Protein backbone atom coordinates (compact mmCIF):
# COMPACT_ATOMS: atom_id res chain seq x y z
CA MET A 1 -0.20 0.08 -0.14
CA CYS A 2 3.04 2.17 0.59
CA ALA A 3 4.32 2.62 -2.92
CA PHE A 4 0.64 3.11 -3.95
CA VAL A 5 0.29 6.05 -1.64
CA CYS A 6 3.64 7.51 -2.92
CA VAL A 7 2.86 7.54 -6.20
CA LEU A 8 -0.33 9.49 -5.56
CA CYS A 9 1.58 11.98 -3.59
CA LEU A 10 4.00 12.44 -6.28
CA CYS A 11 1.30 12.59 -8.86
CA SER A 12 -1.01 15.07 -7.10
CA GLY A 13 1.79 17.22 -5.81
CA VAL A 14 0.05 17.16 -2.26
CA ARG A 15 3.25 17.85 -0.65
CA ASP A 16 3.25 21.63 -1.16
CA VAL A 17 -0.41 22.26 -1.66
CA TYR A 18 -3.29 22.46 0.62
CA VAL A 19 -5.70 19.15 0.80
CA SER A 20 -9.11 19.71 0.79
CA THR A 21 -11.40 18.54 3.98
CA ARG A 22 -12.94 16.28 1.47
CA ALA A 23 -10.22 14.33 0.52
CA ILE A 24 -9.51 13.14 4.13
CA SER A 25 -12.77 12.66 5.47
CA VAL A 26 -15.33 9.92 4.87
CA SER A 27 -18.33 12.21 5.72
CA GLY A 28 -16.68 14.84 3.50
CA SER A 29 -16.48 12.53 0.74
CA TRP A 30 -19.90 11.42 1.24
CA HIS A 31 -21.23 15.12 1.17
CA VAL A 32 -19.48 16.00 -1.94
CA CYS A 33 -20.51 12.71 -4.00
CA VAL A 34 -24.27 12.96 -2.51
CA ASP A 35 -25.34 16.40 -1.60
CA GLU A 36 -23.61 18.41 -3.78
CA GLY A 37 -23.38 16.05 -7.02
CA SER A 38 -20.11 17.45 -8.04
CA GLU A 39 -18.02 14.43 -7.97
CA VAL A 40 -18.30 10.66 -8.54
CA LYS A 41 -16.10 8.11 -6.64
CA GLU A 42 -15.65 4.52 -7.17
CA LEU A 43 -15.32 2.46 -4.40
CA THR A 44 -12.06 0.20 -4.39
CA PRO A 45 -11.88 -3.56 -2.62
CA GLU A 46 -10.04 -1.81 0.20
CA TRP A 47 -13.43 0.08 1.20
CA TYR A 48 -14.65 -3.60 2.32
CA SER A 49 -11.71 -5.41 3.70
CA THR A 50 -8.46 -3.37 4.46
CA PRO A 51 -8.60 -1.10 7.53
CA SER A 52 -4.94 -0.19 6.91
CA PHE A 53 -5.69 1.91 4.10
CA LEU A 54 -7.64 4.44 6.16
CA ARG A 55 -4.37 4.97 8.55
CA ASN A 56 -0.92 6.92 7.41
CA LEU A 57 0.98 3.92 8.77
CA ASN A 58 4.32 5.39 7.15
CA ALA A 59 3.72 8.69 8.70
CA LEU A 60 3.80 10.14 4.99
CA PRO A 61 3.95 13.85 4.69
CA LEU A 62 0.10 14.63 3.07
CA GLY A 63 0.05 18.20 3.46
CA LYS A 64 -2.38 20.69 5.41
CA THR A 65 -5.75 21.45 5.20
CA GLN A 66 -6.85 24.94 4.45
CA THR A 67 -7.29 25.71 8.16
CA GLY A 68 -3.77 24.53 8.57
CA GLU A 69 -4.32 21.19 10.12
CA VAL A 70 -1.75 18.16 9.44
CA VAL A 71 -3.20 15.65 7.11
CA ASN A 72 -2.88 12.30 8.72
CA ASP A 73 -5.02 9.26 9.02
CA VAL A 74 -8.64 9.40 7.24
CA GLU A 75 -11.29 10.92 9.35
CA LEU A 76 -13.99 8.40 10.29
CA PRO A 77 -17.67 8.73 10.69
CA TYR A 78 -19.25 9.22 14.10
CA TRP A 79 -20.99 5.90 14.14
CA CYS A 80 -17.58 3.81 13.96
CA SER A 81 -15.10 3.51 16.60
CA SER A 82 -12.04 2.32 14.40
CA PRO A 83 -10.78 1.33 10.81
CA GLU A 84 -11.60 -2.26 11.49
CA ASP A 85 -15.06 -1.21 12.82
CA PHE A 86 -15.89 1.01 9.83
CA ILE A 87 -14.64 -1.75 7.43
CA ALA A 88 -16.96 -4.44 9.33
CA GLN A 89 -19.93 -2.26 8.91
CA HIS A 90 -19.32 -1.23 5.50
CA ALA A 91 -19.01 -4.67 4.32
CA ALA A 92 -22.34 -6.07 6.29
CA ALA A 93 -24.06 -2.90 5.01
CA LEU A 94 -22.89 -4.31 1.18
CA GLU A 95 -23.95 -7.81 2.07
CA SER A 96 -27.41 -6.92 3.28
CA ASP A 97 -30.48 -7.81 2.18
CA HIS A 98 -31.86 -4.32 1.45
CA VAL A 99 -28.72 -3.77 -0.96
CA SER A 100 -29.35 -6.85 -2.44
CA ALA A 101 -32.90 -5.87 -3.13
CA HIS A 102 -31.97 -2.63 -4.32
CA LEU A 103 -28.70 -3.19 -6.05
CA HIS A 104 -30.12 -3.32 -9.52
CA GLU A 105 -31.99 0.28 -9.16
C-alpha cells in the first residue's frame, strides 16, 4: 500500500498544497458526492476489506488542510469506533438484504 500512496502523493503534488477536507474525511467525501453531486467516486475493494488503508502507517507528509491542520489518518464517520469497525460495518451493509434487493436500481 505504501508504494501506491507515495505515487499518489507525487502525482498530486500534495507535498506543497493544501488538501481539501473532503479528501481526508469519509463524511466530507460522502457530502461532495451525494449532497453536492459535484464528484463521483468508485469504492475500491479496500473499502470493504482493508482497514490499514485508512491509516497513514508510514507517517507520510500528506500536507495540510486550508485551516492548517496536518493531514494524517482518514477521518472516519461518528458511527464507527475504528478503521476495523468501519470496514466491518461497511462490508455488512454491502452484504445486507436491503442492498441485495435494491442493487439493480
